[in-house]
Amino acid sequence: MQAWRVHRNGEPGEVMRREEVDRPVPGDGQVLLKVRAANINFPDALLCRGQYQVRPPLPFTPGVEICGETEDGRRVIATPALPHGALAEYALADEAALLPAPEALDDAEAAALHIGYQTGWFGLHRRAHLKEGETLLVHAAAGGVGSAAVQLGKAAGATVIGVTGGAGKAAVARELGCDVVIDRRTDDIVAAVKEVTGGRGADVVYDPVGGDAYTASAKCVAFEGRIVVVGFASGTIPAPALNHALVKNYAVLGLHWGLYNQKDPAAVRHCHEVLTAYAAKGLIKPLISDRVAFGDAAAAVQRVADGTTTGRLVVLPALTAAPAVTEGAAP
């Protein structure tokens, strides 16, 4: 079968190689999935760089989120079991963690539903306890993770302020339903949030960026507000001033969704049922900006690594025989 593999750590566009490999063999409790669509996530770039919290043995196939098909014909979504990731014709996954793909979503949309929307739901509801009528500030609102939080915030009845970088991404955020959009390249985030909220600030901040985004968040979070730390796409991990959190009475909440798979799998399944119902009602729909050919997978992961994308990039399955081994891109 065809698969993209990483033999050494580095930038995705340089180290991902398209190869012909044997089909993986399921271990105990695992199933073989035919890949119908593979969603690209920022962790895929970190895996290539060797900077993710999980470090599979080399060589490995990246790809942590798929819509796949079981051998008995079920259409499911899953997080593949590394080192046999999603950027291949077939992947492995834990059978107990399989979830039915929502009928309201096509394969590419279903592939993009799992991690980003589960992270958003747990972050906003389990950690921050977002309430109807509150103000939610979402950084990188036009990105894959941020766009999910925007839709979930609107579904919860919140007023959503989206922060983006550039006019194009600002337009996308407005189309997603943001009540207010702030362009960080031209606007003062803190001043804009204070103006919109009458000086109160944002009740909940959803931050997948870190760095300067977190610094701004701490300055414009409301009394008894909650900052949800989701990731560090900026590459800079902030060092919160806990004295500032004390005197301003706000909470800094960490969110690592993967732990819920280990600690509370029942909650993950409940969340999936909620998301499936939302999708059926049209309240959420993954923003797919590009459906990428299998041969362009390495370039797609690099685009996500570079932060140049809006919404989600989804790789479609390989349909032809594998070419000679290449590195960094398809021949």
C-alpha atoms as a PDB file:
ATOM      1  CA  MET A   1       0.000   0.000   0.000  1.00  0.00           C
ATOM      2  CA  GLN A   2       1.003   3.649  -0.275  1.00  0.00           C
ATOM      3  CA  ALA A   3       1.972   5.562   2.841  1.00  0.00           C
ATOM      4  CA  TRP A   4       3.777   8.768   3.774  1.00  0.00           C
ATOM      5  CA  ARG A   5       6.515   8.032   6.310  1.00  0.00           C
ATOM      6  CA  VAL A   6       8.989  10.011   8.380  1.00  0.00           C
ATOM      7  CA  HIS A   7      12.487   8.516   8.745  1.00  0.00           C
ATOM      8  CA  ARG A   8      14.102  11.509  10.453  1.00  0.00           C
ATOM      9  CA  ASN A   9      12.749  14.520  12.280  1.00  0.00           C
ATOM     10  CA  GLY A  10      12.493  17.908  10.612  1.00  0.00           C
ATOM     11  CA  GLU A  11      10.127  20.094   8.632  1.00  0.00           C
ATOM     12  CA  PRO A  12       7.254  18.061   7.117  1.00  0.00           C
ATOM     13  CA  GLY A  13       7.969  19.146   3.565  1.00  0.00           C
ATOM     14  CA  GLU A  14      11.541  17.896   3.916  1.00  0.00           C
ATOM     15  CA  VAL A  15      11.188  14.639   5.855  1.00  0.00           C
ATOM     16  CA  MET A  16       7.912  13.073   4.714  1.00  0.00           C
ATOM     17  CA  ARG A  17       8.504  10.346   2.105  1.00  0.00           C
ATOM     18  CA  ARG A  18       5.893   8.591  -0.029  1.00  0.00           C
ATOM     19  CA  GLU A  19       6.607   4.871  -0.085  1.00  0.00           C
ATOM     20  CA  GLU A  20       5.214   1.434  -0.835  1.00  0.00           C
ATOM     21  CA  VAL A  21       4.903  -0.478   2.461  1.00  0.00           C
ATOM     22  CA  ASP A  22       3.155  -3.541   3.802  1.00  0.00           C
ATOM     23  CA  ARG A  23      -0.378  -3.160   5.074  1.00  0.00           C
ATOM     24  CA  PRO A  24      -0.263  -2.866   8.911  1.00  0.00           C
ATOM     25  CA  VAL A  25      -1.413  -5.825  10.994  1.00  0.00           C
ATOM     26  CA  PRO A  26      -3.790  -5.058  13.889  1.00  0.00           C
ATOM     27  CA  GLY A  27      -2.629  -5.889  17.393  1.00  0.00           C
ATOM     28  CA  ASP A  28      -4.802  -6.858  20.334  1.00  0.00           C
ATOM     29  CA  GLY A  29      -7.873  -4.631  20.502  1.00  0.00           C
ATOM     30  CA  GLN A  30      -7.042  -2.905  17.213  1.00  0.00           C
ATOM     31  CA  VAL A  31      -8.827  -2.795  13.857  1.00  0.00           C
ATOM     32  CA  LEU A  32      -7.630  -2.150  10.328  1.00  0.00           C
ATOM     33  CA  LEU A  33      -9.270   0.863   8.693  1.00  0.00           C
ATOM     34  CA  LYS A  34      -9.358   1.777   5.035  1.00  0.00           C
ATOM     35  CA  VAL A  35      -8.718   5.513   4.982  1.00  0.00           C
ATOM     36  CA  ARG A  36     -11.560   7.467   3.370  1.00  0.00           C
ATOM     37  CA  ALA A  37     -10.206  10.911   4.357  1.00  0.00           C
ATOM     38  CA  ALA A  38      -7.400  12.143   6.640  1.00  0.00           C
ATOM     39  CA  ASN A  39      -7.574  15.530   8.336  1.00  0.00           C
ATOM     40  CA  ILE A  40      -4.326  17.441   8.876  1.00  0.00           C
ATOM     41  CA  ASN A  41      -3.723  18.766  12.388  1.00  0.00           C
ATOM     42  CA  PHE A  42      -0.922  20.902  13.835  1.00  0.00           C
ATOM     43  CA  PRO A  43       0.242  17.895  15.914  1.00  0.00           C
ATOM     44  CA  ASP A  44       1.125  16.199  12.614  1.00  0.00           C
ATOM     45  CA  ALA A  45       3.704  18.917  12.024  1.00  0.00           C
ATOM     46  CA  LEU A  46       4.979  18.572  15.596  1.00  0.00           C
ATOM     47  CA  LEU A  47       5.262  14.800  15.122  1.00  0.00           C
ATOM     48  CA  CYS A  48       7.429  15.352  12.052  1.00  0.00           C
ATOM     49  CA  ARG A  49       9.615  17.764  14.000  1.00  0.00           C
ATOM     50  CA  GLY A  50       9.883  15.422  16.990  1.00  0.00           C
ATOM     51  CA  GLN A  51       8.283  18.068  19.206  1.00  0.00           C
ATOM     52  CA  TYR A  52       4.975  16.402  20.075  1.00  0.00           C
ATOM     53  CA  GLN A  53       4.293  14.864  23.505  1.00  0.00           C
ATOM     54  CA  VAL A  54       3.947  11.500  21.758  1.00  0.00           C
ATOM     55  CA  ARG A  55       7.059  10.369  19.878  1.00  0.00           C
ATOM     56  CA  PRO A  56       6.448   7.247  17.805  1.00  0.00           C
ATOM     57  CA  PRO A  57       9.462   5.202  16.712  1.00  0.00           C
ATOM     58  CA  LEU A  58      11.003   6.049  13.363  1.00  0.00           C
ATOM     59  CA  PRO A  59       9.921   5.477  10.680  1.00  0.00           C
ATOM     60  CA  PHE A  60       6.256   6.354  11.262  1.00  0.00           C
ATOM     61  CA  THR A  61       3.260   7.519   9.277  1.00  0.00           C
ATOM     62  CA  PRO A  62       1.757  10.809  10.520  1.00  0.00           C
ATOM     63  CA  GLY A  63      -1.949  11.569  10.541  1.00  0.00           C
ATOM     64  CA  VAL A  64      -3.928  11.627  13.789  1.00  0.00           C
ATOM     65  CA  GLU A  65      -7.516  12.021  12.574  1.00  0.00           C
ATOM     66  CA  ILE A  66      -9.465  10.071   9.960  1.00  0.00           C
ATOM     67  CA  CYS A  67     -12.744   9.013   8.553  1.00  0.00           C
ATOM     68  CA  GLY A  68     -12.257   5.361   7.760  1.00  0.00           C
ATOM     69  CA  GLU A  69     -14.067   2.178   6.855  1.00  0.00           C
ATOM     70  CA  THR A  70     -13.903  -1.028   8.861  1.00  0.00           C
ATOM     71  CA  GLU A  71     -13.520  -4.421   7.202  1.00  0.00           C
ATOM     72  CA  ASP A  72     -17.223  -5.066   7.830  1.00  0.00           C
ATOM     73  CA  GLY A  73     -18.194  -1.825   6.053  1.00  0.00           C
ATOM     74  CA  ARG A  74     -18.845   0.596   8.920  1.00  0.00           C
ATOM     75  CA  ARG A  75     -18.012   4.266   8.313  1.00  0.00           C
ATOM     76  CA  VAL A  76     -16.220   5.577  11.409  1.00  0.00           C
ATOM     77  CA  ILE A  77     -14.008   8.353  12.710  1.00  0.00           C
ATOM     78  CA  ALA A  78     -10.929   7.621  14.778  1.00  0.00           C
ATOM     79  CA  THR A  79      -7.527   8.722  15.984  1.00  0.00           C
ATOM     80  CA  PRO A  80      -5.110   6.208  14.418  1.00  0.00           C
ATOM     81  CA  ALA A  81      -2.697   4.220  16.546  1.00  0.00           C
ATOM     82  CA  LEU A  82       0.792   5.467  15.736  1.00  0.00           C
ATOM     83  CA  PRO A  83       3.160   4.591  14.141  1.00  0.00           C
ATOM     84  CA  HIS A  84       0.478   3.571  11.612  1.00  0.00           C
ATOM     85  CA  GLY A  85      -1.121   6.987  11.065  1.00  0.00           C
ATOM     86  CA  ALA A  86      -3.750   8.266   8.667  1.00  0.00           C
ATOM     87  CA  LEU A  87      -1.621   9.395   5.719  1.00  0.00           C
ATOM     88  CA  ALA A  88      -1.744   5.988   4.111  1.00  0.00           C
ATOM     89  CA  GLU A  89      -4.208   3.721   2.347  1.00  0.00           C
ATOM     90  CA  TYR A  90      -4.804   1.815   5.584  1.00  0.00           C
ATOM     91  CA  ALA A  91      -4.357   2.737   9.252  1.00  0.00           C
ATOM     92  CA  LEU A  92      -4.773   1.080  12.629  1.00  0.00           C
ATOM     93  CA  ALA A  93      -7.031   2.259  15.453  1.00  0.00           C
ATOM     94  CA  ASP A  94      -8.218   1.027  18.829  1.00  0.00           C
ATOM     95  CA  GLU A  95     -11.552  -0.696  18.309  1.00  0.00           C
ATOM     96  CA  ALA A  96     -12.982   0.573  21.597  1.00  0.00           C
ATOM     97  CA  ALA A  97     -12.411   4.188  20.533  1.00  0.00           C
ATOM     98  CA  LEU A  98     -14.166   4.035  17.149  1.00  0.00           C
ATOM     99  CA  LEU A  99     -17.060   6.454  16.725  1.00  0.00           C
ATOM    100  CA  PRO A 100     -19.739   6.370  14.016  1.00  0.00           C
ATOM    101  CA  ALA A 101     -19.251   9.015  11.344  1.00  0.00           C
ATOM    102  CA  PRO A 102     -22.218  11.454  11.357  1.00  0.00           C
ATOM    103  CA  GLU A 103     -24.536  10.903   8.399  1.00  0.00           C
ATOM    104  CA  ALA A 104     -24.901  14.682   7.987  1.00  0.00           C
ATOM    105  CA  LEU A 105     -21.215  15.054   7.100  1.00  0.00           C
ATOM    106  CA  ASP A 106     -19.270  13.767   4.100  1.00  0.00           C
ATOM    107  CA  ASP A 107     -15.985  11.911   4.555  1.00  0.00           C
ATOM    108  CA  ALA A 108     -13.776  15.022   4.591  1.00  0.00           C
ATOM    109  CA  GLU A 109     -16.050  16.833   7.049  1.00  0.00           C
ATOM    110  CA  ALA A 110     -16.316  13.771   9.279  1.00  0.00           C
ATOM    111  CA  ALA A 111     -12.521  13.409   9.308  1.00  0.00           C
ATOM    112  CA  ALA A 112     -12.277  16.999  10.605  1.00  0.00           C
ATOM    113  CA  LEU A 113     -14.933  16.639  13.296  1.00  0.00           C
ATOM    114  CA  HIS A 114     -13.177  14.618  15.943  1.00  0.00           C
ATOM    115  CA  ILE A 115     -10.169  16.304  17.582  1.00  0.00           C
ATOM    116  CA  GLY A 116     -10.920  19.989  16.952  1.00  0.00           C
ATOM    117  CA  TYR A 117     -14.578  19.850  17.935  1.00  0.00           C
ATOM    118  CA  GLN A 118     -14.047  17.521  20.886  1.00  0.00           C
ATOM    119  CA  THR A 119     -11.299  19.848  22.107  1.00  0.00           C
ATOM    120  CA  GLY A 120     -13.620  22.822  21.675  1.00  0.00           C
ATOM    121  CA  TRP A 121     -16.539  21.175  23.445  1.00  0.00           C
ATOM    122  CA  PHE A 122     -14.482  19.975  26.410  1.00  0.00           C
ATOM    123  CA  GLY A 123     -12.650  23.299  26.627  1.00  0.00           C
ATOM    124  CA  LEU A 124     -15.760  25.461  26.537  1.00  0.00           C
ATOM    125  CA  HIS A 125     -18.146  23.273  28.515  1.00  0.00           C
ATOM    126  CA  ARG A 126     -16.190  20.847  30.703  1.00  0.00           C
ATOM    127  CA  ARG A 127     -13.396  23.252  31.641  1.00  0.00           C
ATOM    128  CA  ALA A 128     -14.719  26.805  31.239  1.00  0.00           C
ATOM    129  CA  HIS A 129     -18.457  26.119  31.777  1.00  0.00           C
ATOM    130  CA  LEU A 130     -19.443  28.648  29.125  1.00  0.00           C
ATOM    131  CA  LYS A 131     -22.943  30.028  29.744  1.00  0.00           C
ATOM    132  CA  GLU A 132     -25.539  31.422  27.393  1.00  0.00           C
ATOM    133  CA  GLY A 133     -25.158  35.183  27.100  1.00  0.00           C
ATOM    134  CA  GLU A 134     -21.467  35.240  28.027  1.00  0.00           C
ATOM    135  CA  THR A 135     -18.763  36.679  25.789  1.00  0.00           C
ATOM    136  CA  LEU A 136     -16.302  34.247  24.228  1.00  0.00           C
ATOM    137  CA  LEU A 137     -13.006  35.429  22.724  1.00  0.00           C
ATOM    138  CA  VAL A 138     -11.482  32.983  20.210  1.00  0.00           C
ATOM    139  CA  HIS A 139      -7.931  33.395  18.945  1.00  0.00           C
ATOM    140  CA  ALA A 140      -7.085  32.111  15.430  1.00  0.00           C
ATOM    141  CA  ALA A 141     -10.819  32.113  14.781  1.00  0.00           C
ATOM    142  CA  ALA A 142     -10.447  31.229  11.087  1.00  0.00           C
ATOM    143  CA  GLY A 143      -8.138  28.272  11.741  1.00  0.00           C
ATOM    144  CA  GLY A 144      -9.101  24.645  12.122  1.00  0.00           C
ATOM    145  CA  VAL A 145      -9.217  24.668  15.940  1.00  0.00           C
ATOM    146  CA  GLY A 146     -10.563  28.214  16.283  1.00  0.00           C
ATOM    147  CA  SER A 147     -13.336  27.783  13.712  1.00  0.00           C
ATOM    148  CA  ALA A 148     -14.692  24.827  15.702  1.00  0.00           C
ATOM    149  CA  ALA A 149     -14.723  26.921  18.889  1.00  0.00           C
ATOM    150  CA  VAL A 150     -16.558  29.737  17.096  1.00  0.00           C
ATOM    151  CA  GLN A 151     -19.331  27.415  15.948  1.00  0.00           C
ATOM    152  CA  LEU A 152     -19.607  25.741  19.344  1.00  0.00           C
ATOM    153  CA  GLY A 153     -19.692  29.112  21.077  1.00  0.00           C
ATOM    154  CA  LYS A 154     -22.550  30.277  18.866  1.00  0.00           C
ATOM    155  CA  ALA A 155     -24.378  26.991  19.472  1.00  0.00           C
ATOM    156  CA  ALA A 156     -24.077  27.668  23.221  1.00  0.00           C
ATOM    157  CA  GLY A 157     -25.656  31.101  22.870  1.00  0.00           C
ATOM    158  CA  ALA A 158     -22.494  33.124  23.520  1.00  0.00           C
ATOM    159  CA  THR A 159     -21.446  36.384  21.917  1.00  0.00           C
ATOM    160  CA  VAL A 160     -18.324  35.422  19.989  1.00  0.00           C
ATOM    161  CA  ILE A 161     -15.381  37.726  19.311  1.00  0.00           C
ATOM    162  CA  GLY A 162     -12.924  36.258  16.819  1.00  0.00           C
ATOM    163  CA  VAL A 163      -9.276  37.269  16.466  1.00  0.00           C
ATOM    164  CA  THR A 164      -7.632  36.673  13.088  1.00  0.00           C
ATOM    165  CA  GLY A 165      -4.564  37.765  11.136  1.00  0.00           C
ATOM    166  CA  GLY A 166      -5.370  39.554   7.891  1.00  0.00           C
ATOM    167  CA  ALA A 167      -8.432  40.677   5.964  1.00  0.00           C
ATOM    168  CA  GLY A 168      -8.960  37.319   4.265  1.00  0.00           C
ATOM    169  CA  LYS A 169      -9.122  35.393   7.512  1.00  0.00           C
ATOM    170  CA  ALA A 170     -11.288  38.119   9.046  1.00  0.00           C
ATOM    171  CA  ALA A 171     -13.827  37.573   6.267  1.00  0.00           C
ATOM    172  CA  VAL A 172     -13.835  33.834   6.972  1.00  0.00           C
ATOM    173  CA  ALA A 173     -14.433  34.470  10.675  1.00  0.00           C
ATOM    174  CA  ARG A 174     -17.427  36.663   9.873  1.00  0.00           C
ATOM    175  CA  GLU A 175     -18.874  33.960   7.633  1.00  0.00           C
ATOM    176  CA  LEU A 176     -18.452  31.476  10.474  1.00  0.00           C
ATOM    177  CA  GLY A 177     -20.734  33.609  12.622  1.00  0.00           C
ATOM    178  CA  CYS A 178     -18.438  35.736  14.785  1.00  0.00           C
ATOM    179  CA  ASP A 179     -20.371  38.689  16.195  1.00  0.00           C
ATOM    180  CA  VAL A 180     -17.205  40.798  16.201  1.00  0.00           C
ATOM    181  CA  VAL A 181     -13.923  40.212  14.348  1.00  0.00           C
ATOM    182  CA  ILE A 182     -10.585  41.712  15.405  1.00  0.00           C
ATOM    183  CA  ASP A 183      -7.664  41.759  12.981  1.00  0.00           C
ATOM    184  CA  ARG A 184      -4.576  41.454  15.172  1.00  0.00           C
ATOM    185  CA  ARG A 185      -2.453  42.963  12.395  1.00  0.00           C
ATOM    186  CA  THR A 186      -4.297  46.282  12.440  1.00  0.00           C
ATOM    187  CA  ASP A 187      -6.368  46.362  15.641  1.00  0.00           C
ATOM    188  CA  ASP A 188      -5.511  46.596  19.320  1.00  0.00           C
ATOM    189  CA  ILE A 189      -6.996  43.365  20.708  1.00  0.00           C
ATOM    190  CA  VAL A 190      -7.277  44.555  24.304  1.00  0.00           C
ATOM    191  CA  ALA A 191      -8.848  47.900  23.433  1.00  0.00           C
ATOM    192  CA  ALA A 192     -11.276  46.309  20.979  1.00  0.00           C
ATOM    193  CA  VAL A 193     -12.472  43.684  23.479  1.00  0.00           C
ATOM    194  CA  LYS A 194     -12.906  46.301  26.193  1.00  0.00           C
ATOM    195  CA  GLU A 195     -14.902  48.486  23.813  1.00  0.00           C
ATOM    196  CA  VAL A 196     -17.195  45.663  22.684  1.00  0.00           C
ATOM    197  CA  THR A 197     -17.856  44.487  26.239  1.00  0.00           C
ATOM    198  CA  GLY A 198     -18.314  47.898  27.815  1.00  0.00           C
ATOM    199  CA  GLY A 199     -15.070  47.578  29.729  1.00  0.00           C
ATOM    200  CA  ARG A 200     -15.914  44.206  31.283  1.00  0.00           C
ATOM    201  CA  GLY A 201     -13.752  41.975  29.115  1.00  0.00           C
ATOM    202  CA  ALA A 202     -14.292  38.454  27.795  1.00  0.00           C
ATOM    203  CA  ASP A 203     -15.841  35.881  30.113  1.00  0.00           C
ATOM    204  CA  VAL A 204     -14.081  32.995  28.367  1.00  0.00           C
ATOM    205  CA  VAL A 205     -10.952  33.086  26.200  1.00  0.00           C
ATOM    206  CA  TYR A 206     -10.106  30.153  23.920  1.00  0.00           C
ATOM    207  CA  ASP A 207      -6.399  30.245  23.103  1.00  0.00           C
ATOM    208  CA  PRO A 208      -4.724  27.750  20.756  1.00  0.00           C
ATOM    209  CA  VAL A 209      -1.954  30.253  19.959  1.00  0.00           C
ATOM    210  CA  GLY A 210      -0.026  31.214  23.119  1.00  0.00           C
ATOM    211  CA  GLY A 211       2.667  33.887  22.982  1.00  0.00           C
ATOM    212  CA  ASP A 212       1.332  37.391  22.425  1.00  0.00           C
ATOM    213  CA  ALA A 213      -2.230  36.065  22.174  1.00  0.00           C
ATOM    214  CA  TYR A 214      -2.084  34.863  25.767  1.00  0.00           C
ATOM    215  CA  THR A 215      -0.562  38.157  26.923  1.00  0.00           C
ATOM    216  CA  ALA A 216      -3.462  40.057  25.362  1.00  0.00           C
ATOM    217  CA  SER A 217      -5.964  37.603  26.830  1.00  0.00           C
ATOM    218  CA  ALA A 218      -4.778  38.199  30.377  1.00  0.00           C
ATOM    219  CA  LYS A 219      -5.269  41.943  29.851  1.00  0.00           C
ATOM    220  CA  CYS A 220      -8.832  41.687  28.593  1.00  0.00           C
ATOM    221  CA  VAL A 221     -10.319  38.731  30.469  1.00  0.00           C
ATOM    222  CA  ALA A 222     -13.282  39.629  32.667  1.00  0.00           C
ATOM    223  CA  PHE A 223     -13.604  39.432  36.455  1.00  0.00           C
ATOM    224  CA  GLU A 224     -14.005  35.707  37.222  1.00  0.00           C
ATOM    225  CA  GLY A 225     -13.214  34.995  33.579  1.00  0.00           C
ATOM    226  CA  ARG A 226     -11.583  31.813  32.306  1.00  0.00           C
ATOM    227  CA  ILE A 227      -8.673  31.464  29.880  1.00  0.00           C
ATOM    228  CA  VAL A 228      -8.573  28.027  28.252  1.00  0.00           C
ATOM    229  CA  VAL A 229      -5.054  27.114  27.098  1.00  0.00           C
ATOM    230  CA  VAL A 230      -5.408  24.753  24.130  1.00  0.00           C
ATOM    231  CA  GLY A 231      -2.025  24.953  22.396  1.00  0.00           C
ATOM    232  CA  PHE A 232       0.910  27.046  21.289  1.00  0.00           C
ATOM    233  CA  ALA A 233       0.666  27.449  17.524  1.00  0.00           C
ATOM    234  CA  SER A 234       2.765  30.621  17.787  1.00  0.00           C
ATOM    235  CA  GLY A 235       5.682  28.509  18.965  1.00  0.00           C
ATOM    236  CA  THR A 236       5.968  30.502  22.191  1.00  0.00           C
ATOM    237  CA  ILE A 237       4.805  29.012  25.484  1.00  0.00           C
ATOM    238  CA  PRO A 238       3.776  31.833  27.820  1.00  0.00           C
ATOM    239  CA  ALA A 239       4.712  32.009  31.501  1.00  0.00           C
ATOM    240  CA  PRO A 240       1.529  33.241  33.256  1.00  0.00           C
ATOM    241  CA  ALA A 241       1.933  35.800  36.020  1.00  0.00           C
ATOM    242  CA  LEU A 242      -0.015  34.099  38.807  1.00  0.00           C
ATOM    243  CA  ASN A 243      -0.059  37.292  40.874  1.00  0.00           C
ATOM    244  CA  HIS A 244      -2.009  38.885  38.019  1.00  0.00           C
ATOM    245  CA  ALA A 245      -4.521  36.022  38.021  1.00  0.00           C
ATOM    246  CA  LEU A 246      -4.865  36.475  41.782  1.00  0.00           C
ATOM    247  CA  VAL A 247      -5.529  40.210  41.832  1.00  0.00           C
ATOM    248  CA  LYS A 248      -7.868  40.079  38.816  1.00  0.00           C
ATOM    249  CA  ASN A 249      -9.764  36.925  39.879  1.00  0.00           C
ATOM    250  CA  TYR A 250      -9.525  34.872  36.681  1.00  0.00           C
ATOM    251  CA  ALA A 251      -8.668  31.242  36.043  1.00  0.00           C
ATOM    252  CA  VAL A 252      -6.119  29.722  33.663  1.00  0.00           C
ATOM    253  CA  LEU A 253      -7.321  26.296  32.544  1.00  0.00           C
ATOM    254  CA  GLY A 254      -5.316  23.701  30.653  1.00  0.00           C
ATOM    255  CA  LEU A 255      -7.006  21.420  28.140  1.00  0.00           C
ATOM    256  CA  HIS A 256      -5.406  18.238  26.763  1.00  0.00           C
ATOM    257  CA  TRP A 257      -8.281  16.423  25.100  1.00  0.00           C
ATOM    258  CA  GLY A 258      -6.322  13.207  24.589  1.00  0.00           C
ATOM    259  CA  LEU A 259      -6.368  12.533  28.326  1.00  0.00           C
ATOM    260  CA  TYR A 260     -10.156  12.202  28.257  1.00  0.00           C
ATOM    261  CA  ASN A 261      -9.761   9.156  26.010  1.00  0.00           C
ATOM    262  CA  GLN A 262      -7.800   7.585  28.861  1.00  0.00           C
ATOM    263  CA  LYS A 263      -9.539   9.026  31.915  1.00  0.00           C
ATOM    264  CA  ASP A 264     -13.175   9.331  30.831  1.00  0.00           C
ATOM    265  CA  PRO A 265     -13.996   7.596  27.531  1.00  0.00           C
ATOM    266  CA  ALA A 266     -17.703   7.724  28.353  1.00  0.00           C
ATOM    267  CA  ALA A 267     -17.517  11.525  28.294  1.00  0.00           C
ATOM    268  CA  VAL A 268     -15.856  11.383  24.865  1.00  0.00           C
ATOM    269  CA  ARG A 269     -18.724   9.283  23.530  1.00  0.00           C
ATOM    270  CA  HIS A 270     -21.280  11.628  25.072  1.00  0.00           C
ATOM    271  CA  CYS A 271     -19.524  14.567  23.431  1.00  0.00           C
ATOM    272  CA  HIS A 272     -19.632  12.766  20.084  1.00  0.00           C
ATOM    273  CA  GLU A 273     -23.380  12.241  20.459  1.00  0.00           C
ATOM    274  CA  VAL A 274     -23.812  15.967  21.115  1.00  0.00           C
ATOM    275  CA  LEU A 275     -21.637  16.893  18.122  1.00  0.00           C
ATOM    276  CA  THR A 276     -23.520  14.461  15.881  1.00  0.00           C
ATOM    277  CA  ALA A 277     -26.808  16.077  16.909  1.00  0.00           C
ATOM    278  CA  TYR A 278     -25.349  19.542  16.289  1.00  0.00           C
ATOM    279  CA  ALA A 279     -24.217  18.470  12.817  1.00  0.00           C
ATOM    280  CA  ALA A 280     -27.667  17.079  12.005  1.00  0.00           C
ATOM    281  CA  LYS A 281     -29.219  20.429  12.984  1.00  0.00           C
ATOM    282  CA  GLY A 282     -26.672  22.420  10.974  1.00  0.00           C
ATOM    283  CA  LEU A 283     -25.230  24.091  14.076  1.00  0.00           C
ATOM    284  CA  ILE A 284     -21.710  22.921  13.247  1.00  0.00           C
ATOM    285  CA  LYS A 285     -19.995  22.030   9.977  1.00  0.00           C
ATOM    286  CA  PRO A 286     -16.224  21.668   9.699  1.00  0.00           C
ATOM    287  CA  LEU A 287     -14.691  24.375   7.526  1.00  0.00           C
ATOM    288  CA  ILE A 288     -12.827  22.483   4.794  1.00  0.00           C
ATOM    289  CA  SER A 289     -10.676  24.944   2.885  1.00  0.00           C
ATOM    290  CA  ASP A 290      -8.948  22.369   0.687  1.00  0.00           C
ATOM    291  CA  ARG A 291      -9.416  18.699  -0.222  1.00  0.00           C
ATOM    292  CA  VAL A 292      -5.880  17.614  -0.994  1.00  0.00           C
ATOM    293  CA  ALA A 293      -4.713  14.823  -3.295  1.00  0.00           C
ATOM    294  CA  PHE A 294      -2.747  12.083  -1.569  1.00  0.00           C
ATOM    295  CA  GLY A 295       0.394  12.998  -3.468  1.00  0.00           C
ATOM    296  CA  ASP A 296       0.319  16.508  -1.976  1.00  0.00           C
ATOM    297  CA  ALA A 297       0.093  15.373   1.662  1.00  0.00           C
ATOM    298  CA  ALA A 298       3.596  16.501   2.660  1.00  0.00           C
ATOM    299  CA  ALA A 299       2.985  19.977   1.251  1.00  0.00           C
ATOM    300  CA  ALA A 300      -0.349  20.117   3.100  1.00  0.00           C
ATOM    301  CA  VAL A 301       1.254  19.286   6.452  1.00  0.00           C
ATOM    302  CA  GLN A 302       3.878  21.952   5.769  1.00  0.00           C
ATOM    303  CA  ARG A 303       1.165  24.521   5.061  1.00  0.00           C
ATOM    304  CA  VAL A 304      -0.428  23.771   8.416  1.00  0.00           C
ATOM    305  CA  ALA A 305       2.982  23.949  10.087  1.00  0.00           C
ATOM    306  CA  ASP A 306       3.559  27.380   8.533  1.00  0.00           C
ATOM    307  CA  GLY A 307       0.214  28.719   9.766  1.00  0.00           C
ATOM    308  CA  THR A 308      -0.910  29.883   6.336  1.00  0.00           C
ATOM    309  CA  THR A 309      -4.197  27.979   6.201  1.00  0.00           C
ATOM    310  CA  THR A 310      -7.794  28.726   7.075  1.00  0.00           C
ATOM    311  CA  GLY A 311     -10.110  25.979   8.233  1.00  0.00           C
ATOM    312  CA  ARG A 312      -9.033  22.413   7.565  1.00  0.00           C
ATOM    313  CA  LEU A 313      -6.949  20.635   4.948  1.00  0.00           C
ATOM    314  CA  VAL A 314      -8.137  17.085   4.322  1.00  0.00           C
ATOM    315  CA  VAL A 315      -6.127  14.521   2.367  1.00  0.00           C
ATOM    316  CA  LEU A 316      -8.128  12.180   0.174  1.00  0.00           C
ATOM    317  CA  PRO A 317      -7.076   8.551  -0.254  1.00  0.00           C
ATOM    318  CA  ALA A 318      -4.530   7.275  -2.763  1.00  0.00           C
ATOM    319  CA  LEU A 319      -6.136   5.827  -5.888  1.00  0.00           C
ATOM    320  CA  THR A 320      -3.134   4.713  -7.911  1.00  0.00           C
ATOM    321  CA  ALA A 321      -0.099   2.508  -7.451  1.00  0.00           C
ATOM    322  CA  ALA A 322       2.799   3.974  -5.518  1.00  0.00           C
ATOM    323  CA  PRO A 323       5.594   5.695  -7.433  1.00  0.00           C
ATOM    324  CA  ALA A 324       9.280   5.464  -6.653  1.00  0.00           C
ATOM    325  CA  VAL A 325      10.251   6.729  -3.202  1.00  0.00           C
ATOM    326  CA  THR A 326      10.285  10.525  -2.976  1.00  0.00           C
ATOM    327  CA  GLU A 327      11.102  12.907  -0.200  1.00  0.00           C
ATOM    328  CA  GLY A 328       9.195  16.059   0.654  1.00  0.00           C
ATOM    329  CA  ALA A 329       6.606  15.861  -2.127  1.00  0.00           C
ATOM    330  CA  ALA A 330       4.968  13.616  -4.647  1.00  0.00           C
ATOM    331  CA  PRO A 331       6.766  13.060  -7.949  1.00  0.00           C
END
